[in-house]
Amino acid sequence: MRTILSKLKTREQISHLCEQLRNQGKKIVTTNGVFDLLHVGHVTYLENARALGDVLVVGINSDASVRRIKGPKRPLNEEHARACCIAALECVDFVIIFDEDTPVSFLEQARPTIHVKGGDYLGKEDRMVEKEIVASYGGRIELKGMVKGYSTTSLIEKIVKTYGKSY
């Protein structure tokens, strides 16, 4: 049985592991995100991504990256804690933290067969920065819907509305 910490990998480790797995004929699936407050939408999304292949590698935005993308009040949980929560899921094989605002360098390391994006990208595929890099080595993008009503932003808004700043 793998431990949570054994699933956390560096860029170099991911590159080497994915190369070995490809040589074994394994279908590598990747996805990425902030995963700030783990909820059923994330879990369902990751299980659906894992079902597309043999190995699921999840890229987590670093704290600095999240602040640049989401603003100075995010993330709520620091990167190591977020990575450990994602690694604790049975459907996730490996987790990597990346510091860039996009997952392009992560994808260059992992070179997945399939890179999964949320359904919120439906109709916006031409604006995906990942599309070109994944296509460059014969991979493809797959869109998977999220569970309606679940997002980290909506959970934060619900907490603030319910408890205010006094909680």
N, C-alpha and C. Protein backbone atom coordinates (compact mmCIF):
# COMPACT_ATOMS: atom_id res chain seq x y z
N MET A 1 0.84 -1.19 0.00
CA MET A 1 0.00 0.00 0.00
C MET A 1 0.88 1.25 0.00
N ARG A 2 0.61 2.15 -0.94
CA ARG A 2 1.39 3.38 -1.01
C ARG A 2 0.89 4.37 0.03
N THR A 3 1.83 5.13 0.58
CA THR A 3 1.45 6.18 1.51
C THR A 3 1.17 7.46 0.73
N ILE A 4 0.53 8.39 1.40
CA ILE A 4 0.24 9.68 0.77
C ILE A 4 1.52 10.33 0.29
N LEU A 5 2.53 10.39 1.17
CA LEU A 5 3.77 11.07 0.82
C LEU A 5 4.50 10.40 -0.34
N SER A 6 4.33 9.09 -0.50
CA SER A 6 5.00 8.41 -1.61
C SER A 6 4.38 8.77 -2.96
N LYS A 7 3.19 9.35 -2.96
CA LYS A 7 2.55 9.78 -4.20
C LYS A 7 3.00 11.17 -4.63
N LEU A 8 3.61 11.93 -3.72
CA LEU A 8 4.07 13.28 -4.06
C LEU A 8 5.40 13.18 -4.78
N LYS A 9 5.48 13.78 -5.96
CA LYS A 9 6.67 13.64 -6.80
C LYS A 9 7.20 14.99 -7.25
N THR A 10 8.47 15.02 -7.57
CA THR A 10 9.09 16.20 -8.17
C THR A 10 8.92 16.12 -9.68
N ARG A 11 9.26 17.21 -10.36
CA ARG A 11 9.21 17.21 -11.83
C ARG A 11 10.07 16.10 -12.42
N GLU A 12 11.28 15.99 -11.92
CA GLU A 12 12.21 14.98 -12.44
C GLU A 12 11.65 13.57 -12.21
N GLN A 13 11.10 13.34 -11.03
CA GLN A 13 10.53 12.02 -10.74
C GLN A 13 9.35 11.72 -11.66
N ILE A 14 8.48 12.71 -11.87
CA ILE A 14 7.31 12.52 -12.74
C ILE A 14 7.75 12.21 -14.16
N SER A 15 8.73 12.94 -14.64
CA SER A 15 9.23 12.72 -16.00
C SER A 15 9.73 11.28 -16.15
N HIS A 16 10.53 10.84 -15.21
CA HIS A 16 11.10 9.48 -15.25
C HIS A 16 10.01 8.42 -15.08
N LEU A 17 9.12 8.61 -14.10
CA LEU A 17 8.04 7.65 -13.86
C LEU A 17 7.13 7.51 -15.08
N CYS A 18 6.74 8.64 -15.65
CA CYS A 18 5.84 8.59 -16.80
C CYS A 18 6.51 7.95 -18.01
N GLU A 19 7.79 8.19 -18.18
CA GLU A 19 8.51 7.53 -19.28
C GLU A 19 8.50 6.01 -19.08
N GLN A 20 8.76 5.56 -17.86
CA GLN A 20 8.72 4.12 -17.57
C GLN A 20 7.33 3.55 -17.82
N LEU A 21 6.31 4.28 -17.35
CA LEU A 21 4.93 3.80 -17.52
C LEU A 21 4.53 3.74 -18.99
N ARG A 22 4.92 4.73 -19.78
CA ARG A 22 4.65 4.70 -21.23
C ARG A 22 5.33 3.50 -21.87
N ASN A 23 6.57 3.21 -21.46
CA ASN A 23 7.30 2.06 -22.00
C ASN A 23 6.64 0.74 -21.64
N GLN A 24 5.86 0.74 -20.58
CA GLN A 24 5.11 -0.45 -20.17
C GLN A 24 3.73 -0.50 -20.85
N GLY A 25 3.45 0.47 -21.71
CA GLY A 25 2.18 0.49 -22.43
C GLY A 25 1.03 1.08 -21.63
N LYS A 26 1.32 1.77 -20.56
CA LYS A 26 0.27 2.36 -19.71
C LYS A 26 -0.26 3.65 -20.32
N LYS A 27 -1.55 3.86 -20.18
CA LYS A 27 -2.20 5.09 -20.62
C LYS A 27 -2.18 6.06 -19.44
N ILE A 28 -1.44 7.17 -19.63
CA ILE A 28 -1.28 8.17 -18.57
C ILE A 28 -2.30 9.28 -18.76
N VAL A 29 -3.01 9.58 -17.68
CA VAL A 29 -4.00 10.65 -17.67
C VAL A 29 -3.51 11.72 -16.69
N THR A 30 -3.63 12.98 -17.10
CA THR A 30 -3.29 14.08 -16.19
C THR A 30 -4.46 15.03 -16.08
N THR A 31 -4.46 15.79 -15.01
CA THR A 31 -5.34 16.93 -14.85
C THR A 31 -4.63 17.87 -13.90
N ASN A 32 -5.18 19.05 -13.75
CA ASN A 32 -4.53 20.02 -12.85
C ASN A 32 -5.57 20.95 -12.26
N GLY A 33 -5.16 21.63 -11.20
CA GLY A 33 -6.04 22.60 -10.59
C GLY A 33 -5.50 23.09 -9.27
N VAL A 34 -6.31 23.91 -8.62
CA VAL A 34 -5.95 24.48 -7.32
C VAL A 34 -6.33 23.50 -6.21
N PHE A 35 -7.53 22.96 -6.26
CA PHE A 35 -8.03 22.00 -5.26
C PHE A 35 -7.88 22.55 -3.84
N ASP A 36 -8.41 23.75 -3.64
CA ASP A 36 -8.23 24.46 -2.38
C ASP A 36 -9.05 23.86 -1.24
N LEU A 37 -10.32 23.66 -1.45
CA LEU A 37 -11.18 22.99 -0.47
C LEU A 37 -11.72 21.74 -1.15
N LEU A 38 -11.22 20.59 -0.79
CA LEU A 38 -11.63 19.34 -1.43
C LEU A 38 -13.11 19.10 -1.19
N HIS A 39 -13.85 18.83 -2.25
CA HIS A 39 -15.29 18.59 -2.15
C HIS A 39 -15.70 17.50 -3.15
N VAL A 40 -16.97 17.12 -3.10
CA VAL A 40 -17.47 16.02 -3.92
C VAL A 40 -17.29 16.29 -5.41
N GLY A 41 -17.34 17.53 -5.82
CA GLY A 41 -17.10 17.86 -7.22
C GLY A 41 -15.70 17.48 -7.66
N HIS A 42 -14.72 17.77 -6.80
CA HIS A 42 -13.33 17.39 -7.11
C HIS A 42 -13.18 15.87 -7.16
N VAL A 43 -13.73 15.20 -6.15
CA VAL A 43 -13.57 13.75 -6.05
C VAL A 43 -14.19 13.06 -7.27
N THR A 44 -15.39 13.46 -7.64
CA THR A 44 -16.06 12.86 -8.80
C THR A 44 -15.28 13.14 -10.08
N TYR A 45 -14.83 14.37 -10.24
CA TYR A 45 -14.03 14.76 -11.41
C TYR A 45 -12.77 13.91 -11.51
N LEU A 46 -12.06 13.74 -10.40
CA LEU A 46 -10.82 12.96 -10.41
C LEU A 46 -11.09 11.47 -10.66
N GLU A 47 -12.16 10.94 -10.10
CA GLU A 47 -12.52 9.54 -10.38
C GLU A 47 -12.85 9.36 -11.86
N ASN A 48 -13.57 10.31 -12.45
CA ASN A 48 -13.89 10.23 -13.87
C ASN A 48 -12.63 10.33 -14.74
N ALA A 49 -11.70 11.18 -14.33
CA ALA A 49 -10.44 11.30 -15.06
C ALA A 49 -9.67 9.99 -15.00
N ARG A 50 -9.58 9.41 -13.83
CA ARG A 50 -8.83 8.16 -13.63
C ARG A 50 -9.40 7.02 -14.47
N ALA A 51 -10.71 7.03 -14.66
CA ALA A 51 -11.36 5.96 -15.43
C ALA A 51 -10.95 5.97 -16.90
N LEU A 52 -10.33 7.05 -17.36
CA LEU A 52 -9.92 7.15 -18.76
C LEU A 52 -8.59 6.46 -19.06
N GLY A 53 -7.86 6.05 -18.03
CA GLY A 53 -6.54 5.46 -18.28
C GLY A 53 -6.07 4.57 -17.15
N ASP A 54 -4.76 4.29 -17.18
CA ASP A 54 -4.16 3.39 -16.20
C ASP A 54 -3.55 4.11 -15.01
N VAL A 55 -3.15 5.36 -15.20
CA VAL A 55 -2.44 6.12 -14.18
C VAL A 55 -2.97 7.55 -14.22
N LEU A 56 -3.26 8.12 -13.03
CA LEU A 56 -3.70 9.52 -12.95
C LEU A 56 -2.65 10.33 -12.20
N VAL A 57 -2.14 11.35 -12.90
CA VAL A 57 -1.17 12.28 -12.32
C VAL A 57 -1.87 13.64 -12.22
N VAL A 58 -1.89 14.20 -11.01
CA VAL A 58 -2.57 15.47 -10.77
C VAL A 58 -1.54 16.56 -10.49
N GLY A 59 -1.62 17.63 -11.26
CA GLY A 59 -0.79 18.80 -11.04
C GLY A 59 -1.54 19.80 -10.17
N ILE A 60 -0.88 20.26 -9.11
CA ILE A 60 -1.47 21.22 -8.17
C ILE A 60 -0.75 22.55 -8.33
N ASN A 61 -1.50 23.63 -8.48
CA ASN A 61 -0.89 24.96 -8.53
C ASN A 61 -0.25 25.28 -7.17
N SER A 62 0.96 25.82 -7.20
CA SER A 62 1.64 26.24 -5.97
C SER A 62 0.88 27.40 -5.34
N ASP A 63 1.21 27.71 -4.09
CA ASP A 63 0.57 28.84 -3.42
C ASP A 63 0.79 30.14 -4.19
N ALA A 64 2.02 30.38 -4.66
CA ALA A 64 2.32 31.60 -5.41
C ALA A 64 1.49 31.67 -6.69
N SER A 65 1.37 30.55 -7.37
CA SER A 65 0.58 30.50 -8.60
C SER A 65 -0.90 30.79 -8.30
N VAL A 66 -1.42 30.22 -7.23
CA VAL A 66 -2.83 30.45 -6.87
C VAL A 66 -3.07 31.93 -6.58
N ARG A 67 -2.16 32.56 -5.85
CA ARG A 67 -2.33 33.99 -5.54
C ARG A 67 -2.35 34.83 -6.82
N ARG A 68 -1.51 34.46 -7.78
CA ARG A 68 -1.50 35.21 -9.04
C ARG A 68 -2.81 35.01 -9.82
N ILE A 69 -3.37 33.82 -9.75
CA ILE A 69 -4.57 33.49 -10.52
C ILE A 69 -5.85 33.91 -9.79
N LYS A 70 -5.93 33.61 -8.49
CA LYS A 70 -7.18 33.80 -7.74
C LYS A 70 -7.20 35.04 -6.85
N GLY A 71 -6.03 35.64 -6.63
CA GLY A 71 -5.98 36.83 -5.79
C GLY A 71 -5.29 36.57 -4.46
N PRO A 72 -5.04 37.64 -3.69
CA PRO A 72 -4.22 37.54 -2.49
C PRO A 72 -4.85 36.78 -1.32
N LYS A 73 -6.15 36.54 -1.36
CA LYS A 73 -6.80 35.83 -0.25
C LYS A 73 -6.79 34.31 -0.43
N ARG A 74 -6.29 33.86 -1.53
CA ARG A 74 -6.24 32.42 -1.81
C ARG A 74 -4.80 32.01 -1.99
N PRO A 75 -4.44 30.79 -1.73
CA PRO A 75 -5.32 29.69 -1.34
C PRO A 75 -5.66 29.74 0.15
N LEU A 76 -6.69 29.02 0.52
CA LEU A 76 -7.04 28.88 1.93
C LEU A 76 -6.14 27.84 2.59
N ASN A 77 -5.81 26.81 1.86
CA ASN A 77 -4.91 25.75 2.35
C ASN A 77 -3.60 25.82 1.58
N GLU A 78 -2.50 25.63 2.29
CA GLU A 78 -1.19 25.72 1.63
C GLU A 78 -0.96 24.51 0.73
N GLU A 79 -0.03 24.66 -0.19
CA GLU A 79 0.16 23.70 -1.28
C GLU A 79 0.43 22.27 -0.81
N HIS A 80 1.23 22.10 0.23
CA HIS A 80 1.54 20.74 0.69
C HIS A 80 0.27 20.07 1.24
N ALA A 81 -0.54 20.81 1.98
CA ALA A 81 -1.78 20.26 2.51
C ALA A 81 -2.74 19.89 1.38
N ARG A 82 -2.84 20.76 0.38
CA ARG A 82 -3.71 20.46 -0.77
C ARG A 82 -3.22 19.23 -1.52
N ALA A 83 -1.92 19.15 -1.71
CA ALA A 83 -1.34 17.99 -2.42
C ALA A 83 -1.59 16.70 -1.65
N CYS A 84 -1.45 16.75 -0.33
CA CYS A 84 -1.68 15.55 0.49
C CYS A 84 -3.14 15.11 0.44
N CYS A 85 -4.08 16.05 0.45
CA CYS A 85 -5.50 15.69 0.36
C CYS A 85 -5.81 15.00 -0.97
N ILE A 86 -5.26 15.53 -2.05
CA ILE A 86 -5.48 14.91 -3.36
C ILE A 86 -4.79 13.54 -3.42
N ALA A 87 -3.58 13.45 -2.87
CA ALA A 87 -2.85 12.17 -2.88
C ALA A 87 -3.55 11.11 -2.04
N ALA A 88 -4.35 11.51 -1.08
CA ALA A 88 -5.06 10.55 -0.23
C ALA A 88 -6.17 9.82 -0.98
N LEU A 89 -6.58 10.36 -2.11
CA LEU A 89 -7.65 9.72 -2.88
C LEU A 89 -7.11 8.48 -3.59
N GLU A 90 -7.86 7.41 -3.52
CA GLU A 90 -7.44 6.14 -4.13
C GLU A 90 -7.26 6.25 -5.64
N CYS A 91 -8.07 7.09 -6.28
CA CYS A 91 -8.02 7.20 -7.74
C CYS A 91 -6.78 7.94 -8.24
N VAL A 92 -6.06 8.62 -7.36
CA VAL A 92 -4.90 9.42 -7.74
C VAL A 92 -3.62 8.61 -7.51
N ASP A 93 -2.80 8.52 -8.56
CA ASP A 93 -1.55 7.77 -8.46
C ASP A 93 -0.38 8.64 -8.04
N PHE A 94 -0.29 9.85 -8.62
CA PHE A 94 0.83 10.74 -8.31
C PHE A 94 0.36 12.18 -8.32
N VAL A 95 1.05 13.02 -7.53
CA VAL A 95 0.74 14.45 -7.45
C VAL A 95 2.04 15.22 -7.59
N ILE A 96 1.97 16.31 -8.33
CA ILE A 96 3.10 17.21 -8.48
C ILE A 96 2.60 18.63 -8.24
N ILE A 97 3.43 19.45 -7.61
CA ILE A 97 3.12 20.87 -7.42
C ILE A 97 3.91 21.65 -8.46
N PHE A 98 3.22 22.54 -9.19
CA PHE A 98 3.93 23.37 -10.17
C PHE A 98 3.70 24.84 -9.87
N ASP A 99 4.70 25.67 -10.18
CA ASP A 99 4.69 27.07 -9.80
C ASP A 99 4.20 28.01 -10.89
N GLU A 100 4.09 27.53 -12.11
CA GLU A 100 3.66 28.38 -13.21
C GLU A 100 2.14 28.59 -13.14
N ASP A 101 1.66 29.57 -13.88
CA ASP A 101 0.23 29.84 -13.90
C ASP A 101 -0.55 28.87 -14.78
N THR A 102 0.14 28.22 -15.71
CA THR A 102 -0.48 27.22 -16.57
C THR A 102 0.26 25.89 -16.36
N PRO A 103 -0.37 24.77 -16.72
CA PRO A 103 0.26 23.47 -16.53
C PRO A 103 1.18 23.03 -17.67
N VAL A 104 1.55 23.93 -18.56
CA VAL A 104 2.31 23.53 -19.75
C VAL A 104 3.60 22.81 -19.39
N SER A 105 4.39 23.33 -18.46
CA SER A 105 5.66 22.66 -18.12
C SER A 105 5.41 21.30 -17.45
N PHE A 106 4.36 21.22 -16.64
CA PHE A 106 3.97 19.94 -16.03
C PHE A 106 3.64 18.92 -17.12
N LEU A 107 2.90 19.37 -18.14
CA LEU A 107 2.53 18.47 -19.24
C LEU A 107 3.74 18.06 -20.07
N GLU A 108 4.70 18.97 -20.23
CA GLU A 108 5.93 18.61 -20.93
C GLU A 108 6.69 17.51 -20.19
N GLN A 109 6.60 17.51 -18.87
CA GLN A 109 7.26 16.48 -18.07
C GLN A 109 6.48 15.15 -18.14
N ALA A 110 5.18 15.21 -17.96
CA ALA A 110 4.37 13.98 -17.88
C ALA A 110 4.03 13.39 -19.24
N ARG A 111 3.84 14.23 -20.25
CA ARG A 111 3.46 13.79 -21.60
C ARG A 111 2.32 12.77 -21.57
N PRO A 112 1.16 13.19 -21.05
CA PRO A 112 0.04 12.25 -20.92
C PRO A 112 -0.58 11.83 -22.24
N THR A 113 -1.20 10.69 -22.22
CA THR A 113 -2.02 10.24 -23.34
C THR A 113 -3.26 11.13 -23.42
N ILE A 114 -3.82 11.43 -22.23
CA ILE A 114 -5.03 12.25 -22.13
C ILE A 114 -4.83 13.28 -21.02
N HIS A 115 -5.14 14.53 -21.33
CA HIS A 115 -5.16 15.58 -20.31
C HIS A 115 -6.61 15.98 -20.13
N VAL A 116 -7.11 15.92 -18.90
CA VAL A 116 -8.51 16.18 -18.61
C VAL A 116 -8.69 17.60 -18.08
N LYS A 117 -9.69 18.27 -18.64
CA LYS A 117 -10.07 19.61 -18.19
C LYS A 117 -11.53 19.58 -17.79
N GLY A 118 -11.93 20.51 -16.92
CA GLY A 118 -13.31 20.59 -16.46
C GLY A 118 -14.25 21.00 -17.58
N GLY A 119 -15.50 20.66 -17.42
CA GLY A 119 -16.52 20.97 -18.41
C GLY A 119 -16.73 22.45 -18.64
N ASP A 120 -16.19 23.30 -17.73
CA ASP A 120 -16.33 24.74 -17.94
C ASP A 120 -15.52 25.21 -19.14
N TYR A 121 -14.69 24.33 -19.71
CA TYR A 121 -13.93 24.67 -20.91
C TYR A 121 -14.67 24.29 -22.19
N LEU A 122 -15.85 23.68 -22.07
CA LEU A 122 -16.64 23.29 -23.24
C LEU A 122 -16.91 24.52 -24.11
N GLY A 123 -16.55 24.42 -25.37
CA GLY A 123 -16.70 25.54 -26.29
C GLY A 123 -15.55 26.52 -26.26
N LYS A 124 -14.59 26.30 -25.36
CA LYS A 124 -13.44 27.21 -25.23
C LYS A 124 -12.13 26.46 -25.51
N GLU A 125 -12.24 25.31 -26.15
CA GLU A 125 -11.06 24.47 -26.38
C GLU A 125 -9.95 25.20 -27.11
N ASP A 126 -10.32 26.10 -28.01
CA ASP A 126 -9.30 26.82 -28.78
C ASP A 126 -8.48 27.77 -27.91
N ARG A 127 -8.96 28.07 -26.71
CA ARG A 127 -8.23 28.96 -25.79
C ARG A 127 -7.44 28.21 -24.74
N MET A 128 -7.44 26.90 -24.81
CA MET A 128 -6.69 26.08 -23.84
C MET A 128 -5.21 26.10 -24.19
N VAL A 129 -4.39 26.57 -23.28
CA VAL A 129 -2.94 26.59 -23.52
C VAL A 129 -2.38 25.17 -23.57
N GLU A 130 -3.07 24.24 -22.97
CA GLU A 130 -2.62 22.86 -22.93
C GLU A 130 -2.76 22.13 -24.26
N LYS A 131 -3.71 22.57 -25.06
CA LYS A 131 -4.07 21.84 -26.27
C LYS A 131 -2.87 21.63 -27.20
N GLU A 132 -2.11 22.66 -27.44
CA GLU A 132 -0.99 22.58 -28.38
C GLU A 132 0.10 21.62 -27.89
N ILE A 133 0.48 21.71 -26.62
CA ILE A 133 1.56 20.84 -26.11
C ILE A 133 1.12 19.39 -26.10
N VAL A 134 -0.11 19.12 -25.70
CA VAL A 134 -0.60 17.73 -25.65
C VAL A 134 -0.70 17.16 -27.06
N ALA A 135 -1.19 17.95 -28.00
CA ALA A 135 -1.29 17.49 -29.39
C ALA A 135 0.07 17.28 -30.03
N SER A 136 1.10 18.00 -29.56
CA SER A 136 2.43 17.93 -30.19
C SER A 136 3.06 16.54 -30.11
N TYR A 137 2.65 15.73 -29.15
CA TYR A 137 3.21 14.38 -29.07
C TYR A 137 2.12 13.30 -29.22
N GLY A 138 0.95 13.71 -29.75
CA GLY A 138 -0.11 12.74 -30.07
C GLY A 138 -1.12 12.50 -28.97
N GLY A 139 -1.07 13.28 -27.90
CA GLY A 139 -2.07 13.15 -26.83
C GLY A 139 -3.34 13.91 -27.19
N ARG A 140 -4.30 13.84 -26.30
CA ARG A 140 -5.55 14.55 -26.55
C ARG A 140 -6.11 15.14 -25.26
N ILE A 141 -6.98 16.12 -25.42
CA ILE A 141 -7.69 16.76 -24.31
C ILE A 141 -9.06 16.12 -24.20
N GLU A 142 -9.48 15.87 -22.99
CA GLU A 142 -10.82 15.33 -22.72
C GLU A 142 -11.49 16.26 -21.72
N LEU A 143 -12.73 16.64 -22.00
CA LEU A 143 -13.48 17.50 -21.09
C LEU A 143 -14.42 16.65 -20.24
N LYS A 144 -14.40 16.90 -18.94
CA LYS A 144 -15.27 16.17 -18.01
C LYS A 144 -16.01 17.19 -17.16
N GLY A 145 -17.31 17.05 -17.10
CA GLY A 145 -18.13 17.99 -16.33
C GLY A 145 -17.89 17.84 -14.83
N MET A 146 -18.17 18.91 -14.14
CA MET A 146 -18.08 18.93 -12.69
C MET A 146 -19.47 18.65 -12.13
N VAL A 147 -19.54 18.31 -10.85
CA VAL A 147 -20.83 18.12 -10.20
C VAL A 147 -21.46 19.50 -9.99
N LYS A 148 -22.65 19.71 -10.51
CA LYS A 148 -23.31 21.01 -10.41
C LYS A 148 -23.49 21.41 -8.95
N GLY A 149 -23.25 22.68 -8.70
CA GLY A 149 -23.46 23.22 -7.36
C GLY A 149 -22.27 23.12 -6.44
N TYR A 150 -21.18 22.52 -6.93
CA TYR A 150 -19.99 22.38 -6.10
C TYR A 150 -18.80 23.07 -6.76
N SER A 151 -18.31 24.07 -6.09
CA SER A 151 -17.07 24.72 -6.48
C SER A 151 -16.50 25.33 -5.21
N THR A 152 -15.20 25.51 -5.19
CA THR A 152 -14.57 26.11 -4.02
C THR A 152 -15.10 27.52 -3.80
N THR A 153 -15.24 28.27 -4.88
CA THR A 153 -15.75 29.65 -4.76
C THR A 153 -17.15 29.65 -4.17
N SER A 154 -18.03 28.75 -4.63
CA SER A 154 -19.40 28.72 -4.09
C SER A 154 -19.40 28.29 -2.63
N LEU A 155 -18.50 27.40 -2.24
CA LEU A 155 -18.42 27.01 -0.84
C LEU A 155 -17.95 28.16 0.04
N ILE A 156 -16.96 28.90 -0.43
CA ILE A 156 -16.48 30.07 0.32
C ILE A 156 -17.61 31.08 0.47
N GLU A 157 -18.33 31.35 -0.62
CA GLU A 157 -19.43 32.30 -0.57
C GLU A 157 -20.52 31.84 0.40
N LYS A 158 -20.80 30.56 0.43
CA LYS A 158 -21.81 30.01 1.35
C LYS A 158 -21.36 30.16 2.80
N ILE A 159 -20.10 29.91 3.07
CA ILE A 159 -19.58 30.05 4.43
C ILE A 159 -19.68 31.50 4.88
N VAL A 160 -19.26 32.43 4.03
CA VAL A 160 -19.31 33.85 4.38
C VAL A 160 -20.75 34.29 4.60
N LYS A 161 -21.66 33.86 3.71
CA LYS A 161 -23.07 34.24 3.83
C LYS A 161 -23.68 33.68 5.11
N THR A 162 -23.34 32.43 5.43
CA THR A 162 -23.91 31.77 6.59
C THR A 162 -23.31 32.27 7.90
N TYR A 163 -22.01 32.41 7.94
CA TYR A 163 -21.33 32.71 9.20
C TYR A 163 -20.76 34.13 9.28
N GLY A 164 -20.68 34.79 8.15
CA GLY A 164 -20.10 36.13 8.14
C GLY A 164 -18.63 36.10 8.52
N LYS A 165 -18.14 37.23 8.86
CA LYS A 165 -16.72 37.33 9.22
C LYS A 165 -16.49 37.03 10.69
N SER A 166 -17.56 36.79 11.44
CA SER A 166 -17.41 36.57 12.88
C SER A 166 -17.14 35.13 13.25
N TYR A 167 -17.26 34.24 12.31
CA TYR A 167 -17.09 32.82 12.63
C TYR A 167 -15.73 32.50 13.05
